[in-house]
Amino acid sequence: MNELLAAVRIRGRVNIRDDIKDTLGMLRLNRINHCVLVPETTGFIGMLKKAKDWITWGKIDKKTAVKLFEARGMMAGRKKLMGSDLKRLTKHESFESFVDELMKGKVKMNDYPGIKPVFRLNPPKHGYKATRLPYPKGDLGNRKEKINELLERMI
């Protein structure tokens, strides 16, 4: 069973090298506080490690992923993703079943062009610790399961 990783961009565009800018573009993390869900594969982990000084990531749990889709899921045309739209676009009855299929690796976000793969989040309540230091002291890099706490503060 593949795990699902959530990646959030923390730092902006100033003084960024071109190769890291390209990597962030491939991850679709073009702005601060944007979040994407990616499968835990060696290719994506390599991309996340390359951009570690600009983003934070970790393993997202099912409860947080469902909350993310319910609160911040968007469709093409800047429309909020509702349960009825999800059923029409994906043939899933609820957000829980859709997230369950995503986490099992049976479907990918790219399979549904009507659903935007990027979540636009608020800045976290009570702010970041430090946007230039790695995770235990700051907020950058791999934070494993602690990403769920950050996402809860940002939804």
Protein backbone atom coordinates (compact mmCIF):
# COMPACT_ATOMS: atom_id res chain seq x y z
CA MET A 1 0.00 0.00 0.00
CA ASN A 2 1.45 3.34 -1.03
CA GLU A 3 1.43 6.14 1.46
CA LEU A 4 0.23 9.57 0.46
CA LEU A 5 2.48 12.55 1.13
CA ALA A 6 1.34 16.13 1.59
CA ALA A 7 3.77 18.87 0.53
CA VAL A 8 3.30 22.53 1.47
CA ARG A 9 5.30 25.44 0.09
CA ILE A 10 6.58 27.72 2.84
CA ARG A 11 9.03 30.10 1.18
CA GLY A 12 8.55 32.46 -1.76
CA ARG A 13 10.29 33.11 -5.07
CA VAL A 14 13.18 35.39 -4.17
CA ASN A 15 16.75 34.06 -4.69
CA ILE A 16 15.62 30.65 -5.91
CA ARG A 17 17.80 28.61 -8.28
CA ASP A 18 16.34 27.62 -11.65
CA ASP A 19 16.55 23.87 -11.01
CA ILE A 20 14.62 24.20 -7.75
CA LYS A 21 12.10 26.50 -9.43
CA ASP A 22 11.57 23.79 -12.06
CA THR A 23 11.17 21.11 -9.40
CA LEU A 24 8.59 23.18 -7.53
CA GLY A 25 6.79 23.76 -10.83
CA MET A 26 6.65 20.02 -11.49
CA LEU A 27 5.22 19.54 -7.99
CA ARG A 28 2.72 22.35 -8.76
CA LEU A 29 3.83 24.29 -5.70
CA ASN A 30 3.89 27.71 -7.32
CA ARG A 31 2.85 29.89 -4.38
CA ILE A 32 3.27 30.07 -0.63
CA ASN A 33 0.74 28.00 1.39
CA HIS A 34 -0.18 25.80 -1.56
CA CYS A 35 -0.44 22.09 -0.82
CA VAL A 36 -0.33 19.02 -3.06
CA LEU A 37 -0.82 15.32 -2.39
CA VAL A 38 1.70 13.00 -4.03
CA PRO A 39 2.31 9.25 -3.76
CA GLU A 40 5.34 8.06 -1.83
CA THR A 41 7.54 6.96 -4.74
CA THR A 42 11.28 7.38 -5.17
CA GLY A 43 10.77 9.98 -7.90
CA PHE A 44 8.56 12.21 -5.77
CA ILE A 45 10.72 11.75 -2.67
CA GLY A 46 13.75 12.86 -4.69
CA MET A 47 11.89 15.96 -5.84
CA LEU A 48 10.81 16.75 -2.28
CA LYS A 49 14.35 16.35 -0.97
CA LYS A 50 15.69 18.61 -3.70
CA ALA A 51 13.25 21.37 -2.73
CA LYS A 52 13.61 20.80 1.02
CA ASP A 53 14.73 24.37 1.67
CA TRP A 54 11.45 25.76 0.28
CA ILE A 55 8.79 23.23 1.35
CA THR A 56 7.71 20.93 4.14
CA TRP A 57 6.18 17.48 3.67
CA GLY A 58 5.06 14.37 5.51
CA LYS A 59 2.65 11.43 5.54
CA ILE A 60 -0.94 12.57 5.65
CA ASP A 61 -3.55 10.51 7.46
CA LYS A 62 -7.00 9.73 6.08
CA LYS A 63 -8.89 12.02 8.47
CA THR A 64 -6.83 15.07 7.53
CA ALA A 65 -7.00 14.26 3.81
CA VAL A 66 -10.81 14.02 3.94
CA LYS A 67 -10.96 17.33 5.81
CA LEU A 68 -8.65 18.88 3.21
CA PHE A 69 -10.90 17.81 0.32
CA GLU A 70 -14.09 18.88 2.09
CA ALA A 71 -12.81 22.32 3.09
CA ARG A 72 -10.36 23.22 0.31
CA GLY A 73 -11.09 20.98 -2.66
CA MET A 74 -11.65 22.93 -5.89
CA MET A 75 -12.92 22.13 -9.35
CA ALA A 76 -11.91 23.69 -12.64
CA GLY A 77 -13.41 27.15 -12.97
CA ARG A 78 -12.70 28.09 -9.33
CA LYS A 79 -15.75 26.27 -7.99
CA LYS A 80 -15.77 24.56 -4.61
CA LEU A 81 -15.75 20.76 -4.76
CA MET A 82 -19.00 19.46 -3.27
CA GLY A 83 -20.07 15.88 -2.59
CA SER A 84 -22.45 15.87 -5.56
CA ASP A 85 -19.67 17.08 -7.86
CA LEU A 86 -17.37 14.39 -6.53
CA LYS A 87 -19.96 11.72 -7.32
CA ARG A 88 -20.43 13.10 -10.84
CA LEU A 89 -16.69 13.41 -11.58
CA THR A 90 -15.31 10.30 -9.88
CA LYS A 91 -18.23 7.91 -9.30
CA HIS A 92 -17.38 7.87 -5.57
CA GLU A 93 -20.19 8.33 -3.06
CA SER A 94 -18.19 10.32 -0.51
CA PHE A 95 -14.90 12.05 0.15
CA GLU A 96 -13.94 9.16 2.47
CA SER A 97 -14.17 6.55 -0.28
CA PHE A 98 -12.30 8.79 -2.73
CA VAL A 99 -9.46 9.44 -0.25
CA ASP A 100 -9.36 5.73 0.58
CA GLU A 101 -8.82 4.91 -3.12
CA LEU A 102 -6.13 7.61 -3.34
CA MET A 103 -4.29 6.24 -0.32
CA LYS A 104 -4.41 2.70 -1.66
CA GLY A 105 -2.92 3.91 -4.93
CA LYS A 106 -5.83 2.70 -7.06
CA VAL A 107 -6.51 6.20 -8.45
CA LYS A 108 -4.38 9.30 -8.97
CA MET A 109 -5.26 12.97 -8.85
CA ASN A 110 -4.27 13.23 -12.54
CA ASP A 111 -7.04 10.76 -13.45
CA TYR A 112 -9.66 13.44 -12.78
CA PRO A 113 -8.98 16.64 -14.75
CA GLY A 114 -12.07 18.32 -13.27
CA ILE A 115 -10.53 18.32 -9.77
CA LYS A 116 -7.64 20.69 -9.14
CA PRO A 117 -4.62 18.91 -7.63
CA VAL A 118 -3.52 21.98 -5.64
CA PHE A 119 -5.09 23.08 -2.37
CA ARG A 120 -4.88 26.78 -1.55
CA LEU A 121 -4.50 27.00 2.21
CA ASN A 122 -4.52 29.79 4.77
CA PRO A 123 -1.35 30.68 6.64
CA PRO A 124 -1.16 28.51 9.78
CA LYS A 125 -2.83 29.74 12.94
CA HIS A 126 -0.14 30.92 15.38
CA GLY A 127 2.28 31.17 12.45
CA TYR A 128 5.39 29.26 11.49
CA LYS A 129 8.29 28.68 13.90
CA ALA A 130 10.99 29.66 11.42
CA THR A 131 10.84 29.57 7.64
CA ARG A 132 14.60 29.15 7.17
CA LEU A 133 15.39 26.28 9.56
CA PRO A 134 14.79 22.53 9.16
CA TYR A 135 11.90 20.86 10.94
CA PRO A 136 12.56 20.31 14.62
CA LYS A 137 13.72 23.92 15.12
CA GLY A 138 11.90 25.43 12.13
CA ASP A 139 9.35 24.34 9.56
CA LEU A 140 11.25 23.20 6.45
CA GLY A 141 11.86 19.63 5.31
CA ASN A 142 10.38 16.26 6.24
CA ARG A 143 8.16 16.35 9.31
CA LYS A 144 6.70 12.83 8.92
CA GLU A 145 3.30 12.48 10.68
CA LYS A 146 3.49 15.98 12.19
CA ILE A 147 2.36 17.40 8.82
CA ASN A 148 -1.20 16.65 9.93
CA GLU A 149 -0.95 19.15 12.78
CA LEU A 150 0.29 21.86 10.40
CA LEU A 151 -2.47 21.12 7.87
CA GLU A 152 -5.12 21.28 10.61
CA ARG A 153 -3.88 24.77 11.49
CA MET A 154 -3.97 25.81 7.81
CA ILE A 155 -7.39 24.47 6.73
